[in-house]
Amino acid sequence: MVLHAPVDVRLTPDNVLIPDIPFIARDRLHIIGEKTIDAAPDLVFEILSPGARQRDLTVKRALYARFGVREYWIVDPEAKTVIVLVLNDDRYEPLPVTGDGRIVSRALPGLELTLDQIFGGLL
């Protein structure tokens, strides 16, 4: 299930984040509570903005890895780039773009996008 902001993701009582777009796999829908997602989503999209850029790239990245978000997409509208990070043990590793320029998700089978699809007329 794909949700959109604002929705709180409660990793612990002291670690609550609001991702731009979280995805929860069908077999984990039970983590979606009445007002919050009560565990790490399977995939998170963060769209960088000037006010949240550093937090998204450092604090959120570290927390998502620590609590097991399998895939973290960092979308930078200014640079028109997408970095896909895949969890390997407890650290993120960048997922390479395919030879034909597609970005293919491992956490959400069937999700394949190009930069042109993501940024539309902005490229």
PDB file of N, CA and C in Angstrom:
ATOM      1  N   MET A   1       0.837  -1.171   0.000  1.00  0.00           N
ATOM      2  CA  MET A   1       0.000   0.000   0.000  1.00  0.00           C
ATOM      3  C   MET A   1       0.885   1.238   0.000  1.00  0.00           C
ATOM      4  N   VAL A   2       0.636   2.132  -0.924  1.00  0.00           N
ATOM      5  CA  VAL A   2       1.362   3.394  -1.003  1.00  0.00           C
ATOM      6  C   VAL A   2       0.530   4.453  -0.301  1.00  0.00           C
ATOM      7  N   LEU A   3       1.147   5.158   0.625  1.00  0.00           N
ATOM      8  CA  LEU A   3       0.495   6.250   1.341  1.00  0.00           C
ATOM      9  C   LEU A   3       1.223   7.538   1.001  1.00  0.00           C
ATOM     10  N   HIS A   4       0.679   8.656   1.422  1.00  0.00           N
ATOM     11  CA  HIS A   4       1.367   9.929   1.166  1.00  0.00           C
ATOM     12  C   HIS A   4       1.318  10.799   2.411  1.00  0.00           C
ATOM     13  N   ALA A   5       2.222  11.755   2.460  1.00  0.00           N
ATOM     14  CA  ALA A   5       2.336  12.654   3.605  1.00  0.00           C
ATOM     15  C   ALA A   5       1.065  13.492   3.728  1.00  0.00           C
ATOM     16  N   PRO A   6       0.738  13.885   4.909  1.00  0.00           N
ATOM     17  CA  PRO A   6       1.455  13.577   6.140  1.00  0.00           C
ATOM     18  C   PRO A   6       0.920  12.311   6.802  1.00  0.00           C
ATOM     19  N   VAL A   7       1.810  11.403   7.069  1.00  0.00           N
ATOM     20  CA  VAL A   7       1.501  10.210   7.858  1.00  0.00           C
ATOM     21  C   VAL A   7       2.730   9.921   8.723  1.00  0.00           C
ATOM     22  N   ASP A   8       2.486   9.788  10.008  1.00  0.00           N
ATOM     23  CA  ASP A   8       3.584   9.522  10.929  1.00  0.00           C
ATOM     24  C   ASP A   8       4.007   8.067  10.853  1.00  0.00           C
ATOM     25  N   VAL A   9       5.316   7.852  10.853  1.00  0.00           N
ATOM     26  CA  VAL A   9       5.886   6.515  10.961  1.00  0.00           C
ATOM     27  C   VAL A   9       6.558   6.466  12.330  1.00  0.00           C
ATOM     28  N   ARG A  10       5.987   5.662  13.217  1.00  0.00           N
ATOM     29  CA  ARG A  10       6.518   5.559  14.573  1.00  0.00           C
ATOM     30  C   ARG A  10       7.447   4.349  14.636  1.00  0.00           C
ATOM     31  N   LEU A  11       8.751   4.636  14.636  1.00  0.00           N
ATOM     32  CA  LEU A  11       9.755   3.585  14.721  1.00  0.00           C
ATOM     33  C   LEU A  11       9.932   3.144  16.171  1.00  0.00           C
ATOM     34  N   THR A  12       9.917   4.122  17.070  1.00  0.00           N
ATOM     35  CA  THR A  12       9.887   3.925  18.516  1.00  0.00           C
ATOM     36  C   THR A  12       9.105   5.121  19.058  1.00  0.00           C
ATOM     37  N   PRO A  13       8.750   5.119  20.339  1.00  0.00           N
ATOM     38  CA  PRO A  13       8.050   6.299  20.868  1.00  0.00           C
ATOM     39  C   PRO A  13       8.832   7.604  20.683  1.00  0.00           C
ATOM     40  N   ASP A  14      10.158   7.508  20.657  1.00  0.00           N
ATOM     41  CA  ASP A  14      10.993   8.709  20.506  1.00  0.00           C
ATOM     42  C   ASP A  14      11.460   8.962  19.079  1.00  0.00           C
ATOM     43  N   ASN A  15      11.157   8.075  18.155  1.00  0.00           N
ATOM     44  CA  ASN A  15      11.589   8.213  16.763  1.00  0.00           C
ATOM     45  C   ASN A  15      10.385   8.131  15.841  1.00  0.00           C
ATOM     46  N   VAL A  16       9.809   9.302  15.576  1.00  0.00           N
ATOM     47  CA  VAL A  16       8.649   9.404  14.694  1.00  0.00           C
ATOM     48  C   VAL A  16       9.052  10.277  13.510  1.00  0.00           C
ATOM     49  N   LEU A  17       8.893   9.740  12.313  1.00  0.00           N
ATOM     50  CA  LEU A  17       9.258  10.455  11.089  1.00  0.00           C
ATOM     51  C   LEU A  17       8.028  10.600  10.206  1.00  0.00           C
ATOM     52  N   ILE A  18       8.084  11.571   9.302  1.00  0.00           N
ATOM     53  CA  ILE A  18       7.011  11.766   8.332  1.00  0.00           C
ATOM     54  C   ILE A  18       7.634  11.703   6.935  1.00  0.00           C
ATOM     55  N   PRO A  19       7.647  10.504   6.335  1.00  0.00           N
ATOM     56  CA  PRO A  19       8.210  10.394   4.979  1.00  0.00           C
ATOM     57  C   PRO A  19       7.250  10.998   3.957  1.00  0.00           C
ATOM     58  N   ASP A  20       7.796  11.392   2.805  1.00  0.00           N
ATOM     59  CA  ASP A  20       6.942  11.941   1.753  1.00  0.00           C
ATOM     60  C   ASP A  20       6.011  10.871   1.199  1.00  0.00           C
ATOM     61  N   ILE A  21       6.566   9.703   0.896  1.00  0.00           N
ATOM     62  CA  ILE A  21       5.741   8.600   0.377  1.00  0.00           C
ATOM     63  C   ILE A  21       6.269   7.293   0.953  1.00  0.00           C
ATOM     64  N   PRO A  22       5.509   6.664   1.856  1.00  0.00           N
ATOM     65  CA  PRO A  22       5.898   5.338   2.337  1.00  0.00           C
ATOM     66  C   PRO A  22       5.127   4.243   1.598  1.00  0.00           C
ATOM     67  N   PHE A  23       5.759   3.073   1.469  1.00  0.00           N
ATOM     68  CA  PHE A  23       5.097   1.907   0.890  1.00  0.00           C
ATOM     69  C   PHE A  23       5.193   0.767   1.891  1.00  0.00           C
ATOM     70  N   ILE A  24       4.067   0.086   2.105  1.00  0.00           N
ATOM     71  CA  ILE A  24       4.026  -1.072   2.981  1.00  0.00           C
ATOM     72  C   ILE A  24       3.534  -2.256   2.168  1.00  0.00           C
ATOM     73  N   ALA A  25       4.295  -3.357   2.203  1.00  0.00           N
ATOM     74  CA  ALA A  25       3.929  -4.556   1.460  1.00  0.00           C
ATOM     75  C   ALA A  25       2.625  -5.141   2.008  1.00  0.00           C
ATOM     76  N   ARG A  26       1.923  -5.825   1.148  1.00  0.00           N
ATOM     77  CA  ARG A  26       0.611  -6.394   1.490  1.00  0.00           C
ATOM     78  C   ARG A  26       0.672  -7.271   2.744  1.00  0.00           C
ATOM     79  N   ASP A  27       1.723  -8.066   2.883  1.00  0.00           N
ATOM     80  CA  ASP A  27       1.803  -8.964   4.037  1.00  0.00           C
ATOM     81  C   ASP A  27       2.157  -8.249   5.341  1.00  0.00           C
ATOM     82  N   ARG A  28       2.369  -6.934   5.262  1.00  0.00           N
ATOM     83  CA  ARG A  28       2.700  -6.142   6.456  1.00  0.00           C
ATOM     84  C   ARG A  28       1.689  -5.031   6.715  1.00  0.00           C
ATOM     85  N   LEU A  29       0.540  -5.091   6.087  1.00  0.00           N
ATOM     86  CA  LEU A  29      -0.461  -4.039   6.264  1.00  0.00           C
ATOM     87  C   LEU A  29      -0.896  -3.881   7.715  1.00  0.00           C
ATOM     88  N   HIS A  30      -0.696  -4.900   8.519  1.00  0.00           N
ATOM     89  CA  HIS A  30      -1.068  -4.835   9.936  1.00  0.00           C
ATOM     90  C   HIS A  30      -0.308  -3.744  10.699  1.00  0.00           C
ATOM     91  N   ILE A  31       0.793  -3.217  10.159  1.00  0.00           N
ATOM     92  CA  ILE A  31       1.542  -2.164  10.853  1.00  0.00           C
ATOM     93  C   ILE A  31       0.891  -0.796  10.687  1.00  0.00           C
ATOM     94  N   ILE A  32      -0.120  -0.701   9.827  1.00  0.00           N
ATOM     95  CA  ILE A  32      -0.807   0.578   9.622  1.00  0.00           C
ATOM     96  C   ILE A  32      -1.889   0.709  10.692  1.00  0.00           C
ATOM     97  N   GLY A  33      -1.655   1.649  11.605  1.00  0.00           N
ATOM     98  CA  GLY A  33      -2.612   1.898  12.672  1.00  0.00           C
ATOM     99  C   GLY A  33      -3.623   2.950  12.258  1.00  0.00           C
ATOM    100  N   GLU A  34      -4.443   3.315  13.201  1.00  0.00           N
ATOM    101  CA  GLU A  34      -5.481   4.306  12.927  1.00  0.00           C
ATOM    102  C   GLU A  34      -4.897   5.672  12.579  1.00  0.00           C
ATOM    103  N   LYS A  35      -3.799   6.044  13.268  1.00  0.00           N
ATOM    104  CA  LYS A  35      -3.210   7.371  13.049  1.00  0.00           C
ATOM    105  C   LYS A  35      -1.749   7.336  12.634  1.00  0.00           C
ATOM    106  N   THR A  36      -1.109   6.179  12.765  1.00  0.00           N
ATOM    107  CA  THR A  36       0.315   6.080  12.439  1.00  0.00           C
ATOM    108  C   THR A  36       0.629   4.742  11.787  1.00  0.00           C
ATOM    109  N   ILE A  37       1.788   4.713  11.153  1.00  0.00           N
ATOM    110  CA  ILE A  37       2.385   3.449  10.735  1.00  0.00           C
ATOM    111  C   ILE A  37       3.296   3.071  11.886  1.00  0.00           C
ATOM    112  N   ASP A  38       3.096   1.873  12.442  1.00  0.00           N
ATOM    113  CA  ASP A  38       3.766   1.512  13.686  1.00  0.00           C
ATOM    114  C   ASP A  38       4.967   0.600  13.507  1.00  0.00           C
ATOM    115  N   ALA A  39       5.683   0.752  12.443  1.00  0.00           N
ATOM    116  CA  ALA A  39       6.941   0.037  12.195  1.00  0.00           C
ATOM    117  C   ALA A  39       7.535   0.637  10.920  1.00  0.00           C
ATOM    118  N   ALA A  40       8.701   0.160  10.557  1.00  0.00           N
ATOM    119  CA  ALA A  40       9.367   0.678   9.363  1.00  0.00           C
ATOM    120  C   ALA A  40       8.622   0.260   8.100  1.00  0.00           C
ATOM    121  N   PRO A  41       8.349   1.195   7.193  1.00  0.00           N
ATOM    122  CA  PRO A  41       7.800   0.826   5.887  1.00  0.00           C
ATOM    123  C   PRO A  41       8.817  -0.016   5.115  1.00  0.00           C
ATOM    124  N   ASP A  42       8.352  -0.651   4.045  1.00  0.00           N
ATOM    125  CA  ASP A  42       9.265  -1.421   3.201  1.00  0.00           C
ATOM    126  C   ASP A  42      10.086  -0.512   2.296  1.00  0.00           C
ATOM    127  N   LEU A  43       9.489   0.569   1.865  1.00  0.00           N
ATOM    128  CA  LEU A  43      10.131   1.507   0.945  1.00  0.00           C
ATOM    129  C   LEU A  43       9.699   2.905   1.325  1.00  0.00           C
ATOM    130  N   VAL A  44      10.624   3.851   1.253  1.00  0.00           N
ATOM    131  CA  VAL A  44      10.325   5.252   1.536  1.00  0.00           C
ATOM    132  C   VAL A  44      10.890   6.106   0.414  1.00  0.00           C
ATOM    133  N   PHE A  45      10.067   7.042  -0.052  1.00  0.00           N
ATOM    134  CA  PHE A  45      10.502   8.071  -0.995  1.00  0.00           C
ATOM    135  C   PHE A  45      10.592   9.375  -0.213  1.00  0.00           C
ATOM    136  N   GLU A  46      11.734  10.037  -0.277  1.00  0.00           N
ATOM    137  CA  GLU A  46      11.878  11.381   0.281  1.00  0.00           C
ATOM    138  C   GLU A  46      12.215  12.318  -0.858  1.00  0.00           C
ATOM    139  N   ILE A  47      11.481  13.401  -0.958  1.00  0.00           N
ATOM    140  CA  ILE A  47      11.715  14.418  -1.976  1.00  0.00           C
ATOM    141  C   ILE A  47      12.429  15.565  -1.288  1.00  0.00           C
ATOM    142  N   LEU A  48      13.679  15.781  -1.676  1.00  0.00           N
ATOM    143  CA  LEU A  48      14.496  16.789  -1.009  1.00  0.00           C
ATOM    144  C   LEU A  48      13.948  18.187  -1.232  1.00  0.00           C
ATOM    145  N   SER A  49      13.953  18.958  -0.157  1.00  0.00           N
ATOM    146  CA  SER A  49      13.587  20.370  -0.226  1.00  0.00           C
ATOM    147  C   SER A  49      14.635  21.138   0.565  1.00  0.00           C
ATOM    148  N   PRO A  50      14.809  22.424   0.271  1.00  0.00           N
ATOM    149  CA  PRO A  50      15.868  23.168   0.957  1.00  0.00           C
ATOM    150  C   PRO A  50      15.790  23.080   2.481  1.00  0.00           C
ATOM    151  N   GLY A  51      14.599  23.124   3.048  1.00  0.00           N
ATOM    152  CA  GLY A  51      14.462  23.118   4.498  1.00  0.00           C
ATOM    153  C   GLY A  51      14.695  21.773   5.153  1.00  0.00           C
ATOM    154  N   ALA A  52      14.561  20.679   4.404  1.00  0.00           N
ATOM    155  CA  ALA A  52      14.667  19.344   4.996  1.00  0.00           C
ATOM    156  C   ALA A  52      15.805  18.517   4.407  1.00  0.00           C
ATOM    157  N   ARG A  53      16.524  19.070   3.469  1.00  0.00           N
ATOM    158  CA  ARG A  53      17.557  18.336   2.731  1.00  0.00           C
ATOM    159  C   ARG A  53      18.549  17.612   3.649  1.00  0.00           C
ATOM    160  N   GLN A  54      19.184  18.340   4.544  1.00  0.00           N
ATOM    161  CA  GLN A  54      20.202  17.739   5.409  1.00  0.00           C
ATOM    162  C   GLN A  54      19.611  16.669   6.309  1.00  0.00           C
ATOM    163  N   ARG A  55      18.428  16.906   6.840  1.00  0.00           N
ATOM    164  CA  ARG A  55      17.776  15.917   7.715  1.00  0.00           C
ATOM    165  C   ARG A  55      17.465  14.639   6.925  1.00  0.00           C
ATOM    166  N   ASP A  56      16.959  14.786   5.702  1.00  0.00           N
ATOM    167  CA  ASP A  56      16.645  13.621   4.868  1.00  0.00           C
ATOM    168  C   ASP A  56      17.893  12.809   4.536  1.00  0.00           C
ATOM    169  N   LEU A  57      18.999  13.505   4.285  1.00  0.00           N
ATOM    170  CA  LEU A  57      20.239  12.836   3.865  1.00  0.00           C
ATOM    171  C   LEU A  57      21.039  12.247   5.022  1.00  0.00           C
ATOM    172  N   THR A  58      20.778  12.695   6.235  1.00  0.00           N
ATOM    173  CA  THR A  58      21.573  12.222   7.369  1.00  0.00           C
ATOM    174  C   THR A  58      20.706  11.528   8.419  1.00  0.00           C
ATOM    175  N   VAL A  59      19.924  12.299   9.146  1.00  0.00           N
ATOM    176  CA  VAL A  59      19.147  11.757  10.268  1.00  0.00           C
ATOM    177  C   VAL A  59      18.142  10.704   9.796  1.00  0.00           C
ATOM    178  N   LYS A  60      17.328  11.048   8.813  1.00  0.00           N
ATOM    179  CA  LYS A  60      16.323  10.094   8.345  1.00  0.00           C
ATOM    180  C   LYS A  60      16.980   8.867   7.720  1.00  0.00           C
ATOM    181  N   ARG A  61      18.007   9.080   6.939  1.00  0.00           N
ATOM    182  CA  ARG A  61      18.711   7.954   6.319  1.00  0.00           C
ATOM    183  C   ARG A  61      19.208   6.974   7.385  1.00  0.00           C
ATOM    184  N   ALA A  62      19.837   7.482   8.413  1.00  0.00           N
ATOM    185  CA  ALA A  62      20.363   6.626   9.477  1.00  0.00           C
ATOM    186  C   ALA A  62      19.248   5.893  10.216  1.00  0.00           C
ATOM    187  N   LEU A  63      18.163   6.590  10.524  1.00  0.00           N
ATOM    188  CA  LEU A  63      17.048   5.951  11.233  1.00  0.00           C
ATOM    189  C   LEU A  63      16.355   4.904  10.366  1.00  0.00           C
ATOM    190  N   TYR A  64      16.144   5.223   9.093  1.00  0.00           N
ATOM    191  CA  TYR A  64      15.510   4.241   8.209  1.00  0.00           C
ATOM    192  C   TYR A  64      16.356   2.967   8.121  1.00  0.00           C
ATOM    193  N   ALA A  65      17.663   3.117   8.018  1.00  0.00           N
ATOM    194  CA  ALA A  65      18.534   1.938   7.957  1.00  0.00           C
ATOM    195  C   ALA A  65      18.498   1.178   9.278  1.00  0.00           C
ATOM    196  N   ARG A  66      18.596   1.894  10.358  1.00  0.00           N
ATOM    197  CA  ARG A  66      18.621   1.264  11.687  1.00  0.00           C
ATOM    198  C   ARG A  66      17.361   0.445  11.960  1.00  0.00           C
ATOM    199  N   PHE A  67      16.219   0.939  11.493  1.00  0.00           N
ATOM    200  CA  PHE A  67      14.954   0.268  11.795  1.00  0.00           C
ATOM    201  C   PHE A  67      14.448  -0.623  10.660  1.00  0.00           C
ATOM    202  N   GLY A  68      15.228  -0.763   9.582  1.00  0.00           N
ATOM    203  CA  GLY A  68      14.935  -1.779   8.588  1.00  0.00           C
ATOM    204  C   GLY A  68      14.101  -1.393   7.386  1.00  0.00           C
ATOM    205  N   VAL A  69      14.087  -0.118   6.991  1.00  0.00           N
ATOM    206  CA  VAL A  69      13.430   0.246   5.733  1.00  0.00           C
ATOM    207  C   VAL A  69      14.266  -0.362   4.611  1.00  0.00           C
ATOM    208  N   ARG A  70      13.673  -1.270   3.861  1.00  0.00           N
ATOM    209  CA  ARG A  70      14.429  -2.053   2.874  1.00  0.00           C
ATOM    210  C   ARG A  70      14.988  -1.220   1.731  1.00  0.00           C
ATOM    211  N   GLU A  71      14.271  -0.161   1.362  1.00  0.00           N
ATOM    212  CA  GLU A  71      14.703   0.646   0.224  1.00  0.00           C
ATOM    213  C   GLU A  71      14.360   2.101   0.492  1.00  0.00           C
ATOM    214  N   TYR A  72      15.302   2.999   0.195  1.00  0.00           N
ATOM    215  CA  TYR A  72      15.149   4.428   0.456  1.00  0.00           C
ATOM    216  C   TYR A  72      15.473   5.184  -0.829  1.00  0.00           C
ATOM    217  N   TRP A  73      14.451   5.810  -1.417  1.00  0.00           N
ATOM    218  CA  TRP A  73      14.634   6.593  -2.637  1.00  0.00           C
ATOM    219  C   TRP A  73      14.755   8.061  -2.249  1.00  0.00           C
ATOM    220  N   ILE A  74      15.843   8.678  -2.661  1.00  0.00           N
ATOM    221  CA  ILE A  74      16.064  10.099  -2.408  1.00  0.00           C
ATOM    222  C   ILE A  74      15.918  10.830  -3.738  1.00  0.00           C
ATOM    223  N   VAL A  75      14.846  11.601  -3.843  1.00  0.00           N
ATOM    224  CA  VAL A  75      14.513  12.302  -5.075  1.00  0.00           C
ATOM    225  C   VAL A  75      14.916  13.760  -4.907  1.00  0.00           C
ATOM    226  N   ASP A  76      15.786  14.230  -5.802  1.00  0.00           N
ATOM    227  CA  ASP A  76      16.271  15.607  -5.735  1.00  0.00           C
ATOM    228  C   ASP A  76      15.758  16.381  -6.945  1.00  0.00           C
ATOM    229  N   PRO A  77      14.661  17.134  -6.775  1.00  0.00           N
ATOM    230  CA  PRO A  77      14.096  17.877  -7.910  1.00  0.00           C
ATOM    231  C   PRO A  77      15.032  18.954  -8.448  1.00  0.00           C
ATOM    232  N   GLU A  78      15.881  19.507  -7.591  1.00  0.00           N
ATOM    233  CA  GLU A  78      16.799  20.551  -8.035  1.00  0.00           C
ATOM    234  C   GLU A  78      17.866  19.982  -8.969  1.00  0.00           C
ATOM    235  N   ALA A  79      18.488  18.879  -8.582  1.00  0.00           N
ATOM    236  CA  ALA A  79      19.519  18.241  -9.395  1.00  0.00           C
ATOM    237  C   ALA A  79      18.928  17.278 -10.428  1.00  0.00           C
ATOM    238  N   LYS A  80      17.627  16.984 -10.280  1.00  0.00           N
ATOM    239  CA  LYS A  80      16.921  16.030 -11.160  1.00  0.00           C
ATOM    240  C   LYS A  80      17.610  14.663 -11.136  1.00  0.00           C
ATOM    241  N   THR A  81      17.841  14.200  -9.904  1.00  0.00           N
ATOM    242  CA  THR A  81      18.452  12.899  -9.703  1.00  0.00           C
ATOM    243  C   THR A  81      17.624  12.079  -8.725  1.00  0.00           C
ATOM    244  N   VAL A  82      17.806  10.785  -8.798  1.00  0.00           N
ATOM    245  CA  VAL A  82      17.198   9.857  -7.844  1.00  0.00           C
ATOM    246  C   VAL A  82      18.284   8.888  -7.409  1.00  0.00           C
ATOM    247  N   ILE A  83      18.468   8.799  -6.108  1.00  0.00           N
ATOM    248  CA  ILE A  83      19.399   7.832  -5.548  1.00  0.00           C
ATOM    249  C   ILE A  83      18.553   6.768  -4.866  1.00  0.00           C
ATOM    250  N   VAL A  84      18.765   5.527  -5.242  1.00  0.00           N
ATOM    251  CA  VAL A  84      18.045   4.414  -4.621  1.00  0.00           C
ATOM    252  C   VAL A  84      19.034   3.672  -3.741  1.00  0.00           C
ATOM    253  N   LEU A  85      18.699   3.600  -2.458  1.00  0.00           N
ATOM    254  CA  LEU A  85      19.540   2.912  -1.495  1.00  0.00           C
ATOM    255  C   LEU A  85      18.827   1.645  -1.039  1.00  0.00           C
ATOM    256  N   VAL A  86      19.557   0.542  -1.062  1.00  0.00           N
ATOM    257  CA  VAL A  86      19.009  -0.755  -0.677  1.00  0.00           C
ATOM    258  C   VAL A  86      19.702  -1.204   0.600  1.00  0.00           C
ATOM    259  N   LEU A  87      18.896  -1.659   1.552  1.00  0.00           N
ATOM    260  CA  LEU A  87      19.437  -2.089   2.838  1.00  0.00           C
ATOM    261  C   LEU A  87      20.178  -3.414   2.685  1.00  0.00           C
ATOM    262  N   ASN A  88      21.424  -3.424   3.128  1.00  0.00           N
ATOM    263  CA  ASN A  88      22.250  -4.628   3.134  1.00  0.00           C
ATOM    264  C   ASN A  88      22.762  -4.769   4.557  1.00  0.00           C
ATOM    265  N   ASP A  89      22.241  -5.752   5.286  1.00  0.00           N
ATOM    266  CA  ASP A  89      22.471  -5.877   6.725  1.00  0.00           C
ATOM    267  C   ASP A  89      21.888  -4.632   7.389  1.00  0.00           C
ATOM    268  N   ASP A  90      22.720  -3.756   7.934  1.00  0.00           N
ATOM    269  CA  ASP A  90      22.200  -2.559   8.589  1.00  0.00           C
ATOM    270  C   ASP A  90      22.697  -1.282   7.924  1.00  0.00           C
ATOM    271  N   ARG A  91      23.175  -1.394   6.671  1.00  0.00           N
ATOM    272  CA  ARG A  91      23.706  -0.227   5.946  1.00  0.00           C
ATOM    273  C   ARG A  91      23.092  -0.150   4.565  1.00  0.00           C
ATOM    274  N   TYR A  92      22.980   1.068   4.068  1.00  0.00           N
ATOM    275  CA  TYR A  92      22.468   1.268   2.721  1.00  0.00           C
ATOM    276  C   TYR A  92      23.587   1.217   1.699  1.00  0.00           C
ATOM    277  N   GLU A  93      23.280   0.588   0.571  1.00  0.00           N
ATOM    278  CA  GLU A  93      24.179   0.574  -0.576  1.00  0.00           C
ATOM    279  C   GLU A  93      23.399   1.111  -1.763  1.00  0.00           C
ATOM    280  N   PRO A  94      24.033   1.934  -2.604  1.00  0.00           N
ATOM    281  CA  PRO A  94      23.319   2.466  -3.767  1.00  0.00           C
ATOM    282  C   PRO A  94      22.997   1.365  -4.770  1.00  0.00           C
ATOM    283  N   LEU A  95      21.812   1.439  -5.320  1.00  0.00           N
ATOM    284  CA  LEU A  95      21.371   0.505  -6.356  1.00  0.00           C
ATOM    285  C   LEU A  95      21.668   1.158  -7.699  1.00  0.00           C
ATOM    286  N   PRO A  96      22.441   0.504  -8.546  1.00  0.00           N
ATOM    287  CA  PRO A  96      22.772   1.133  -9.827  1.00  0.00           C
ATOM    288  C   PRO A  96      21.555   1.232 -10.747  1.00  0.00           C
ATOM    289  N   VAL A  97      21.554   2.268 -11.533  1.00  0.00           N
ATOM    290  CA  VAL A  97      20.540   2.440 -12.571  1.00  0.00           C
ATOM    291  C   VAL A  97      20.850   1.431 -13.667  1.00  0.00           C
ATOM    292  N   THR A  98      19.808   0.882 -14.288  1.00  0.00           N
ATOM    293  CA  THR A  98      20.027  -0.093 -15.358  1.00  0.00           C
ATOM    294  C   THR A  98      20.711   0.569 -16.548  1.00  0.00           C
ATOM    295  N   GLY A  99      21.251  -0.239 -17.441  1.00  0.00           N
ATOM    296  CA  GLY A  99      21.938   0.270 -18.623  1.00  0.00           C
ATOM    297  C   GLY A  99      21.061   1.128 -19.511  1.00  0.00           C
ATOM    298  N   ASP A 100      19.751   0.887 -19.484  1.00  0.00           N
ATOM    299  CA  ASP A 100      18.850   1.690 -20.311  1.00  0.00           C
ATOM    300  C   ASP A 100      18.211   2.846 -19.531  1.00  0.00           C
ATOM    301  N   GLY A 101      18.770   3.152 -18.346  1.00  0.00           N
ATOM    302  CA  GLY A 101      18.324   4.331 -17.600  1.00  0.00           C
ATOM    303  C   GLY A 101      17.110   4.119 -16.709  1.00  0.00           C
ATOM    304  N   ARG A 102      16.687   2.887 -16.522  1.00  0.00           N
ATOM    305  CA  ARG A 102      15.536   2.624 -15.652  1.00  0.00           C
ATOM    306  C   ARG A 102      16.001   2.454 -14.206  1.00  0.00           C
ATOM    307  N   ILE A 103      15.156   2.893 -13.313  1.00  0.00           N
ATOM    308  CA  ILE A 103      15.363   2.677 -11.894  1.00  0.00           C
ATOM    309  C   ILE A 103      14.372   1.590 -11.504  1.00  0.00           C
ATOM    310  N   VAL A 104      14.886   0.471 -11.009  1.00  0.00           N
ATOM    311  CA  VAL A 104      14.046  -0.689 -10.718  1.00  0.00           C
ATOM    312  C   VAL A 104      14.080  -0.966  -9.220  1.00  0.00           C
ATOM    313  N   SER A 105      12.908  -1.015  -8.607  1.00  0.00           N
ATOM    314  CA  SER A 105      12.808  -1.276  -7.181  1.00  0.00           C
ATOM    315  C   SER A 105      12.932  -2.768  -6.890  1.00  0.00           C
ATOM    316  N   ARG A 106      13.634  -3.081  -5.812  1.00  0.00           N
ATOM    317  CA  ARG A 106      13.672  -4.464  -5.320  1.00  0.00           C
ATOM    318  C   ARG A 106      12.567  -4.694  -4.289  1.00  0.00           C
ATOM    319  N   ALA A 107      12.191  -3.639  -3.575  1.00  0.00           N
ATOM    320  CA  ALA A 107      11.186  -3.760  -2.511  1.00  0.00           C
ATOM    321  C   ALA A 107       9.761  -3.779  -3.043  1.00  0.00           C
ATOM    322  N   LEU A 108       9.543  -3.164  -4.190  1.00  0.00           N
ATOM    323  CA  LEU A 108       8.204  -3.088  -4.776  1.00  0.00           C
ATOM    324  C   LEU A 108       8.270  -3.654  -6.193  1.00  0.00           C
ATOM    325  N   PRO A 109       8.089  -4.976  -6.328  1.00  0.00           N
ATOM    326  CA  PRO A 109       8.185  -5.605  -7.647  1.00  0.00           C
ATOM    327  C   PRO A 109       7.261  -4.929  -8.661  1.00  0.00           C
ATOM    328  N   GLY A 110       7.817  -4.700  -9.835  1.00  0.00           N
ATOM    329  CA  GLY A 110       7.048  -4.056 -10.894  1.00  0.00           C
ATOM    330  C   GLY A 110       7.252  -2.555 -10.969  1.00  0.00           C
ATOM    331  N   LEU A 111       7.847  -1.955  -9.931  1.00  0.00           N
ATOM    332  CA  LEU A 111       8.101  -0.513  -9.971  1.00  0.00           C
ATOM    333  C   LEU A 111       9.385  -0.273 -10.754  1.00  0.00           C
ATOM    334  N   GLU A 112       9.223   0.286 -11.944  1.00  0.00           N
ATOM    335  CA  GLU A 112      10.339   0.664 -12.808  1.00  0.00           C
ATOM    336  C   GLU A 112      10.037   2.045 -13.356  1.00  0.00           C
ATOM    337  N   LEU A 113      10.943   2.970 -13.132  1.00  0.00           N
ATOM    338  CA  LEU A 113      10.755   4.343 -13.579  1.00  0.00           C
ATOM    339  C   LEU A 113      12.014   4.860 -14.250  1.00  0.00           C
ATOM    340  N   THR A 114      11.829   5.859 -15.099  1.00  0.00           N
ATOM    341  CA  THR A 114      12.959   6.590 -15.668  1.00  0.00           C
ATOM    342  C   THR A 114      12.954   7.986 -15.081  1.00  0.00           C
ATOM    343  N   LEU A 115      14.078   8.689 -15.199  1.00  0.00           N
ATOM    344  CA  LEU A 115      14.125  10.065 -14.713  1.00  0.00           C
ATOM    345  C   LEU A 115      13.085  10.925 -15.403  1.00  0.00           C
ATOM    346  N   ASP A 116      12.849  10.663 -16.694  1.00  0.00           N
ATOM    347  CA  ASP A 116      11.851  11.431 -17.428  1.00  0.00           C
ATOM    348  C   ASP A 116      10.448  11.217 -16.845  1.00  0.00           C
ATOM    349  N   GLN A 117      10.146  10.004 -16.444  1.00  0.00           N
ATOM    350  CA  GLN A 117       8.844   9.736 -15.828  1.00  0.00           C
ATOM    351  C   GLN A 117       8.728  10.416 -14.473  1.00  0.00           C
ATOM    352  N   ILE A 118       9.813  10.456 -13.725  1.00  0.00           N
ATOM    353  CA  ILE A 118       9.785  11.052 -12.389  1.00  0.00           C
ATOM    354  C   ILE A 118       9.700  12.565 -12.462  1.00  0.00           C
ATOM    355  N   PHE A 119      10.481  13.172 -13.333  1.00  0.00           N
ATOM    356  CA  PHE A 119      10.548  14.628 -13.354  1.00  0.00           C
ATOM    357  C   PHE A 119       9.729  15.261 -14.470  1.00  0.00           C
ATOM    358  N   GLY A 120       9.143  14.461 -15.330  1.00  0.00           N
ATOM    359  CA  GLY A 120       8.270  14.977 -16.370  1.00  0.00           C
ATOM    360  C   GLY A 120       8.900  16.095 -17.174  1.00  0.00           C
ATOM    361  N   GLY A 121       8.207  17.192 -17.275  1.00  0.00           N
ATOM    362  CA  GLY A 121       8.657  18.337 -18.056  1.00  0.00           C
ATOM    363  C   GLY A 121       9.779  19.123 -17.423  1.00  0.00           C
ATOM    364  N   LEU A 122      10.243  18.711 -16.259  1.00  0.00           N
ATOM    365  CA  LEU A 122      11.326  19.457 -15.589  1.00  0.00           C
ATOM    366  C   LEU A 122      12.685  19.173 -16.198  1.00  0.00           C
ATOM    367  N   LEU A 123      12.841  18.047 -16.933  1.00  0.00           N
ATOM    368  CA  LEU A 123      14.143  17.700 -17.494  1.00  0.00           C
ATOM    369  C   LEU A 123      14.466  18.541 -18.706  1.00  0.00           C
TER     370      LEU A 123
END
